[in-house]
C-alpha atoms as a PDB file:
ATOM      1  CA  UNK A   1     -20.863   0.612 -11.923  1.00  0.00           C
ATOM      2  CA  UNK A   2     -17.455  -0.283 -10.359  1.00  0.00           C
ATOM      3  CA  UNK A   3     -15.949   3.122 -11.067  1.00  0.00           C
ATOM      4  CA  UNK A   4     -18.745   4.735  -8.916  1.00  0.00           C
ATOM      5  CA  UNK A   5     -18.374   2.158  -6.140  1.00  0.00           C
ATOM      6  CA  UNK A   6     -14.462   3.194  -6.040  1.00  0.00           C
ATOM      7  CA  UNK A   7     -15.506   6.715  -5.577  1.00  0.00           C
ATOM      8  CA  UNK A   8     -17.915   5.893  -2.690  1.00  0.00           C
ATOM      9  CA  UNK A   9     -15.052   4.304  -0.698  1.00  0.00           C
ATOM     10  CA  UNK A  10     -12.788   7.349  -1.354  1.00  0.00           C
ATOM     11  CA  UNK A  11     -12.449  10.389   1.088  1.00  0.00           C
ATOM     12  CA  UNK A  12     -13.608   8.358   4.000  1.00  0.00           C
ATOM     13  CA  UNK A  13     -12.717   9.597   7.543  1.00  0.00           C
ATOM     14  CA  UNK A  14      -9.357   8.109   8.711  1.00  0.00           C
ATOM     15  CA  UNK A  15     -11.011   5.879  11.464  1.00  0.00           C
ATOM     16  CA  UNK A  16     -13.470   4.556   8.959  1.00  0.00           C
ATOM     17  CA  UNK A  17     -10.777   3.704   6.488  1.00  0.00           C
ATOM     18  CA  UNK A  18      -8.796   1.850   9.198  1.00  0.00           C
ATOM     19  CA  UNK A  19     -11.855  -0.155  10.294  1.00  0.00           C
ATOM     20  CA  UNK A  20     -12.672  -1.105   6.724  1.00  0.00           C
ATOM     21  CA  UNK A  21      -9.042  -2.093   6.138  1.00  0.00           C
ATOM     22  CA  UNK A  22      -8.914  -4.203   9.264  1.00  0.00           C
ATOM     23  CA  UNK A  23     -12.384  -5.814   8.372  1.00  0.00           C
ATOM     24  CA  UNK A  24     -11.202  -6.633   4.970  1.00  0.00           C
ATOM     25  CA  UNK A  25      -7.868  -8.122   6.268  1.00  0.00           C
ATOM     26  CA  UNK A  26      -9.992 -10.122   8.882  1.00  0.00           C
ATOM     27  CA  UNK A  27     -12.030 -11.748   6.191  1.00  0.00           C
ATOM     28  CA  UNK A  28      -9.021 -12.541   3.984  1.00  0.00           C
ATOM     29  CA  UNK A  29      -7.265 -14.113   6.986  1.00  0.00           C
ATOM     30  CA  UNK A  30     -10.374 -15.854   8.371  1.00  0.00           C
ATOM     31  CA  UNK A  31      -9.991 -14.057  11.607  1.00  0.00           C
ATOM     32  CA  UNK A  32     -11.745 -15.587  14.654  1.00  0.00           C
ATOM     33  CA  UNK A  33     -12.667 -12.046  15.543  1.00  0.00           C
ATOM     34  CA  UNK A  34     -14.600 -11.215  12.334  1.00  0.00           C
ATOM     35  CA  UNK A  35     -17.682 -10.361  14.378  1.00  0.00           C
ATOM     36  CA  UNK A  36     -15.864  -7.813  16.537  1.00  0.00           C
ATOM     37  CA  UNK A  37     -14.298  -6.257  13.332  1.00  0.00           C
ATOM     38  CA  UNK A  38     -17.778  -6.066  11.756  1.00  0.00           C
ATOM     39  CA  UNK A  39     -19.101  -4.372  14.799  1.00  0.00           C
ATOM     40  CA  UNK A  40     -16.368  -1.812  14.833  1.00  0.00           C
ATOM     41  CA  UNK A  41     -16.888  -1.115  11.034  1.00  0.00           C
ATOM     42  CA  UNK A  42     -20.713  -0.830  11.674  1.00  0.00           C
ATOM     43  CA  UNK A  43     -19.978   1.737  14.440  1.00  0.00           C
ATOM     44  CA  UNK A  44     -17.535   3.773  12.488  1.00  0.00           C
ATOM     45  CA  UNK A  45     -19.936   4.030   9.535  1.00  0.00           C
ATOM     46  CA  UNK A  46     -22.826   5.227  11.783  1.00  0.00           C
ATOM     47  CA  UNK A  47     -20.508   7.623  13.475  1.00  0.00           C
ATOM     48  CA  UNK A  48     -19.268   9.055  10.245  1.00  0.00           C
ATOM     49  CA  UNK A  49     -22.704   9.411   8.947  1.00  0.00           C
ATOM     50  CA  UNK A  50     -24.152  11.047  12.012  1.00  0.00           C
ATOM     51  CA  UNK A  51     -21.267  13.457  12.235  1.00  0.00           C
ATOM     52  CA  UNK A  52     -21.748  14.264   8.403  1.00  0.00           C
ATOM     53  CA  UNK A  53     -18.358  12.922   7.546  1.00  0.00           C
ATOM     54  CA  UNK A  54     -19.884  10.725   4.823  1.00  0.00           C
ATOM     55  CA  UNK A  55     -22.929  11.111   2.666  1.00  0.00           C
ATOM     56  CA  UNK A  56     -26.076   9.197   2.890  1.00  0.00           C
ATOM     57  CA  UNK A  57     -25.265   7.403  -0.389  1.00  0.00           C
ATOM     58  CA  UNK A  58     -21.838   6.397   0.940  1.00  0.00           C
ATOM     59  CA  UNK A  59     -23.549   5.132   4.143  1.00  0.00           C
ATOM     60  CA  UNK A  60     -25.974   3.127   2.251  1.00  0.00           C
ATOM     61  CA  UNK A  61     -23.366   1.813  -0.237  1.00  0.00           C
ATOM     62  CA  UNK A  62     -21.202   0.639   2.765  1.00  0.00           C
ATOM     63  CA  UNK A  63     -23.974  -0.823   4.620  1.00  0.00           C
ATOM     64  CA  UNK A  64     -25.183  -2.822   1.654  1.00  0.00           C
ATOM     65  CA  UNK A  65     -21.651  -4.053   0.727  1.00  0.00           C
ATOM     66  CA  UNK A  66     -20.071  -4.781   4.036  1.00  0.00           C
ATOM     67  CA  UNK A  67     -22.692  -5.087   6.845  1.00  0.00           C
ATOM     68  CA  UNK A  68     -25.451  -6.674   4.950  1.00  0.00           C
ATOM     69  CA  UNK A  69     -23.093  -8.808   2.778  1.00  0.00           C
ATOM     70  CA  UNK A  70     -24.270  -7.366  -0.672  1.00  0.00           C
ATOM     71  CA  UNK A  71     -27.966  -8.168   0.017  1.00  0.00           C
END
């Protein structure tokens, strides 16, 4: 399962990769701006999906893992 997850996080648009990286760093550093970073990540996922830069499967995976917290 982890191998497939790694693939779903590959080949993302640069802006989405950057927002994902910033969000992960924010979590790690316990940033006070984590809600802003999460909002930026969510917006980037939405834009990438609407613009057909990521697949529906990638969108669902990213939402489940990062936006909904694995729920």
